[in-house]
Amino acid sequence: MKTSCLAPREIEERLSTAGVRPTAQRIAIAQFVLCEAKHPTADDVKRWTDKNFPKLSMATVYNTLSVLVKAGLLREFRLSHSTKVVYDHNIESHHHFLDEKTGKLYDLSPDEVEVEVKPGKRAKVRQVEVLLRGEWEG
């Protein structure tokens, strides 16, 4: 298991500040998805809870992930090539690179991708998300 970026008390404070009641289950799941996991799926979170916080149901995992997304602590990202949903603790504007060989998803800063959007008067763009695909060699 990777070293955690925040202590459980700090996670509890972040949840409270975001208006989320900091139950033991939510603190444990938040600790994993915010500090240890990279783009986990709900199944990844469930596997982690089975090892580290037994007896949590899949429903609790889904509900907690949904609460964290609604609170703005986590982003939900649906990969267009599948029905797979991944969760991203990086809530800043950024893009992704999908290594098609390994299935691993990498964050790319907006400076690494040049995007020109010209929707004209038809649309008001709030956010641009780019998914690049290929083989990651770095």
C-alpha atoms as a PDB file:
ATOM      1  CA  MET A   1       0.000   0.000   0.000  1.00  0.00           C
ATOM      2  CA  LYS A   2       1.296   3.478  -0.866  1.00  0.00           C
ATOM      3  CA  THR A   3       1.995   6.075   1.786  1.00  0.00           C
ATOM      4  CA  SER A   4      -1.088   8.158   2.416  1.00  0.00           C
ATOM      5  CA  CYS A   5      -1.018  11.837   1.525  1.00  0.00           C
ATOM      6  CA  LEU A   6      -3.338  12.889   4.355  1.00  0.00           C
ATOM      7  CA  ALA A   7      -3.949  11.645   7.845  1.00  0.00           C
ATOM      8  CA  PRO A   8      -7.441  10.315   8.623  1.00  0.00           C
ATOM      9  CA  ARG A   9      -8.100  13.444  10.709  1.00  0.00           C
ATOM     10  CA  GLU A  10      -7.277  15.641   7.707  1.00  0.00           C
ATOM     11  CA  ILE A  11      -9.558  13.545   5.504  1.00  0.00           C
ATOM     12  CA  GLU A  12     -12.303  13.940   8.107  1.00  0.00           C
ATOM     13  CA  GLU A  13     -11.845  17.722   8.035  1.00  0.00           C
ATOM     14  CA  ARG A  14     -11.955  17.819   4.231  1.00  0.00           C
ATOM     15  CA  LEU A  15     -15.172  15.801   4.221  1.00  0.00           C
ATOM     16  CA  SER A  16     -16.756  18.034   6.864  1.00  0.00           C
ATOM     17  CA  THR A  17     -15.694  21.200   5.034  1.00  0.00           C
ATOM     18  CA  ALA A  18     -17.304  19.820   1.855  1.00  0.00           C
ATOM     19  CA  GLY A  19     -20.547  19.154   3.747  1.00  0.00           C
ATOM     20  CA  VAL A  20     -20.070  15.389   3.891  1.00  0.00           C
ATOM     21  CA  ARG A  21     -20.701  13.562   7.156  1.00  0.00           C
ATOM     22  CA  PRO A  22     -17.375  11.855   7.931  1.00  0.00           C
ATOM     23  CA  THR A  23     -18.389   8.295   8.768  1.00  0.00           C
ATOM     24  CA  ALA A  24     -15.670   5.684   9.232  1.00  0.00           C
ATOM     25  CA  GLN A  25     -16.556   4.120   5.868  1.00  0.00           C
ATOM     26  CA  ARG A  26     -16.377   7.450   4.043  1.00  0.00           C
ATOM     27  CA  ILE A  27     -13.064   8.360   5.680  1.00  0.00           C
ATOM     28  CA  ALA A  28     -11.564   4.995   4.674  1.00  0.00           C
ATOM     29  CA  ILE A  29     -12.785   5.182   1.079  1.00  0.00           C
ATOM     30  CA  ALA A  30     -11.809   8.859   0.762  1.00  0.00           C
ATOM     31  CA  GLN A  31      -8.341   8.065   2.107  1.00  0.00           C
ATOM     32  CA  PHE A  32      -7.909   5.457  -0.622  1.00  0.00           C
ATOM     33  CA  VAL A  33      -9.335   7.380  -3.598  1.00  0.00           C
ATOM     34  CA  LEU A  34      -7.883  10.779  -2.686  1.00  0.00           C
ATOM     35  CA  CYS A  35      -4.422   9.665  -1.626  1.00  0.00           C
ATOM     36  CA  GLU A  36      -3.495   6.186  -2.746  1.00  0.00           C
ATOM     37  CA  ALA A  37      -5.329   5.175  -5.912  1.00  0.00           C
ATOM     38  CA  LYS A  38      -4.776   6.449  -9.431  1.00  0.00           C
ATOM     39  CA  HIS A  39      -8.000   6.541 -11.444  1.00  0.00           C
ATOM     40  CA  PRO A  40      -9.709   3.668  -9.596  1.00  0.00           C
ATOM     41  CA  THR A  41     -12.966   2.087 -10.645  1.00  0.00           C
ATOM     42  CA  ALA A  42     -15.660   1.201  -8.112  1.00  0.00           C
ATOM     43  CA  ASP A  43     -14.460  -2.405  -8.397  1.00  0.00           C
ATOM     44  CA  ASP A  44     -10.915  -1.301  -7.496  1.00  0.00           C
ATOM     45  CA  VAL A  45     -12.285   0.494  -4.438  1.00  0.00           C
ATOM     46  CA  LYS A  46     -14.305  -2.580  -3.450  1.00  0.00           C
ATOM     47  CA  ARG A  47     -11.237  -4.825  -3.732  1.00  0.00           C
ATOM     48  CA  TRP A  48      -9.332  -2.381  -1.506  1.00  0.00           C
ATOM     49  CA  THR A  49     -12.135  -2.236   1.071  1.00  0.00           C
ATOM     50  CA  ASP A  50     -12.378  -6.037   1.124  1.00  0.00           C
ATOM     51  CA  LYS A  51      -8.718  -6.155   2.211  1.00  0.00           C
ATOM     52  CA  ASN A  52      -8.612  -3.081   4.448  1.00  0.00           C
ATOM     53  CA  PHE A  53     -12.147  -2.380   5.654  1.00  0.00           C
ATOM     54  CA  PRO A  54     -14.044  -5.685   5.452  1.00  0.00           C
ATOM     55  CA  LYS A  55     -17.804  -6.067   5.268  1.00  0.00           C
ATOM     56  CA  LEU A  56     -18.478  -2.908   3.256  1.00  0.00           C
ATOM     57  CA  SER A  57     -21.068  -3.536   0.581  1.00  0.00           C
ATOM     58  CA  MET A  58     -20.695  -2.549  -3.050  1.00  0.00           C
ATOM     59  CA  ALA A  59     -23.687  -0.245  -2.530  1.00  0.00           C
ATOM     60  CA  THR A  60     -21.746   1.613   0.182  1.00  0.00           C
ATOM     61  CA  VAL A  61     -18.795   1.960  -2.185  1.00  0.00           C
ATOM     62  CA  TYR A  62     -20.993   3.368  -4.985  1.00  0.00           C
ATOM     63  CA  ASN A  63     -22.872   5.657  -2.596  1.00  0.00           C
ATOM     64  CA  THR A  64     -19.650   6.987  -1.086  1.00  0.00           C
ATOM     65  CA  LEU A  65     -18.086   7.625  -4.491  1.00  0.00           C
ATOM     66  CA  SER A  66     -21.242   9.456  -5.553  1.00  0.00           C
ATOM     67  CA  VAL A  67     -21.175  11.591  -2.385  1.00  0.00           C
ATOM     68  CA  LEU A  68     -17.507  12.473  -2.968  1.00  0.00           C
ATOM     69  CA  VAL A  69     -18.235  13.444  -6.588  1.00  0.00           C
ATOM     70  CA  LYS A  70     -21.226  15.604  -5.592  1.00  0.00           C
ATOM     71  CA  ALA A  71     -19.123  17.275  -2.885  1.00  0.00           C
ATOM     72  CA  GLY A  72     -16.498  18.208  -5.485  1.00  0.00           C
ATOM     73  CA  LEU A  73     -13.734  16.095  -3.928  1.00  0.00           C
ATOM     74  CA  LEU A  74     -13.609  13.607  -6.775  1.00  0.00           C
ATOM     75  CA  ARG A  75     -14.381  13.630 -10.503  1.00  0.00           C
ATOM     76  CA  GLU A  76     -16.154  10.878 -12.373  1.00  0.00           C
ATOM     77  CA  PHE A  77     -14.657  10.116 -15.766  1.00  0.00           C
ATOM     78  CA  ARG A  78     -16.347   7.769 -18.219  1.00  0.00           C
ATOM     79  CA  LEU A  79     -14.020   6.255 -20.789  1.00  0.00           C
ATOM     80  CA  SER A  80     -15.745   6.600 -24.135  1.00  0.00           C
ATOM     81  CA  HIS A  81     -14.503   3.262 -25.452  1.00  0.00           C
ATOM     82  CA  SER A  82     -16.212   1.286 -22.685  1.00  0.00           C
ATOM     83  CA  THR A  83     -18.773   1.487 -19.934  1.00  0.00           C
ATOM     84  CA  LYS A  84     -15.939   1.756 -17.410  1.00  0.00           C
ATOM     85  CA  VAL A  85     -16.099   4.693 -15.020  1.00  0.00           C
ATOM     86  CA  VAL A  86     -12.974   5.833 -13.237  1.00  0.00           C
ATOM     87  CA  TYR A  87     -12.689   8.286 -10.380  1.00  0.00           C
ATOM     88  CA  ASP A  88     -10.114  11.024 -10.377  1.00  0.00           C
ATOM     89  CA  HIS A  89      -8.927  12.875  -7.291  1.00  0.00           C
ATOM     90  CA  ASN A  90      -7.377  15.546  -9.524  1.00  0.00           C
ATOM     91  CA  ILE A  91     -10.259  17.999  -9.748  1.00  0.00           C
ATOM     92  CA  GLU A  92      -8.203  20.671 -11.510  1.00  0.00           C
ATOM     93  CA  SER A  93      -8.618  21.137 -15.250  1.00  0.00           C
ATOM     94  CA  HIS A  94      -6.523  18.521 -17.045  1.00  0.00           C
ATOM     95  CA  HIS A  95      -6.564  15.956 -19.814  1.00  0.00           C
ATOM     96  CA  HIS A  96      -5.921  12.217 -19.954  1.00  0.00           C
ATOM     97  CA  PHE A  97      -3.796   9.806 -21.933  1.00  0.00           C
ATOM     98  CA  LEU A  98      -4.993   6.209 -22.183  1.00  0.00           C
ATOM     99  CA  ASP A  99      -2.284   3.622 -22.743  1.00  0.00           C
ATOM    100  CA  GLU A 100      -4.158   1.199 -24.972  1.00  0.00           C
ATOM    101  CA  LYS A 101      -1.668  -1.566 -24.236  1.00  0.00           C
ATOM    102  CA  THR A 102      -1.985  -1.505 -20.431  1.00  0.00           C
ATOM    103  CA  GLY A 103      -5.322   0.266 -19.940  1.00  0.00           C
ATOM    104  CA  LYS A 104      -3.600   2.713 -17.583  1.00  0.00           C
ATOM    105  CA  LEU A 105      -4.781   6.317 -17.544  1.00  0.00           C
ATOM    106  CA  TYR A 106      -2.334   9.203 -17.118  1.00  0.00           C
ATOM    107  CA  ASP A 107      -3.017  12.839 -16.256  1.00  0.00           C
ATOM    108  CA  LEU A 108      -1.783  15.505 -18.642  1.00  0.00           C
ATOM    109  CA  SER A 109      -1.643  19.161 -17.676  1.00  0.00           C
ATOM    110  CA  PRO A 110      -3.439  21.659 -19.930  1.00  0.00           C
ATOM    111  CA  ASP A 111       0.025  22.921 -20.959  1.00  0.00           C
ATOM    112  CA  GLU A 112       0.821  19.535 -22.533  1.00  0.00           C
ATOM    113  CA  VAL A 113      -2.163  19.562 -24.907  1.00  0.00           C
ATOM    114  CA  GLU A 114      -3.049  22.325 -27.317  1.00  0.00           C
ATOM    115  CA  VAL A 115      -6.773  22.551 -27.956  1.00  0.00           C
ATOM    116  CA  GLU A 116      -8.609  25.150 -30.000  1.00  0.00           C
ATOM    117  CA  VAL A 117     -12.359  25.258 -29.428  1.00  0.00           C
ATOM    118  CA  LYS A 118     -14.574  27.347 -31.712  1.00  0.00           C
ATOM    119  CA  PRO A 119     -18.211  26.573 -30.943  1.00  0.00           C
ATOM    120  CA  GLY A 120     -19.374  29.971 -32.143  1.00  0.00           C
ATOM    121  CA  LYS A 121     -22.568  31.277 -30.618  1.00  0.00           C
ATOM    122  CA  ARG A 122     -24.170  27.837 -30.510  1.00  0.00           C
ATOM    123  CA  ALA A 123     -22.656  26.732 -27.230  1.00  0.00           C
ATOM    124  CA  LYS A 124     -21.124  28.010 -24.034  1.00  0.00           C
ATOM    125  CA  VAL A 125     -18.179  25.776 -23.154  1.00  0.00           C
ATOM    126  CA  ARG A 126     -17.649  25.200 -19.423  1.00  0.00           C
ATOM    127  CA  GLN A 127     -14.894  22.644 -19.678  1.00  0.00           C
ATOM    128  CA  VAL A 128     -12.830  20.801 -22.252  1.00  0.00           C
ATOM    129  CA  GLU A 129     -11.628  17.266 -21.573  1.00  0.00           C
ATOM    130  CA  VAL A 130      -9.329  15.569 -24.056  1.00  0.00           C
ATOM    131  CA  LEU A 131      -8.615  11.839 -24.066  1.00  0.00           C
ATOM    132  CA  LEU A 132      -5.524  10.871 -26.024  1.00  0.00           C
ATOM    133  CA  ARG A 133      -4.912   7.201 -26.868  1.00  0.00           C
ATOM    134  CA  GLY A 134      -1.767   5.358 -27.746  1.00  0.00           C
ATOM    135  CA  GLU A 135       1.227   3.782 -26.042  1.00  0.00           C
ATOM    136  CA  TRP A 136       2.749   5.504 -23.027  1.00  0.00           C
ATOM    137  CA  GLU A 137       6.514   5.372 -23.102  1.00  0.00           C
ATOM    138  CA  GLY A 138       7.479   7.445 -20.152  1.00  0.00           C
END
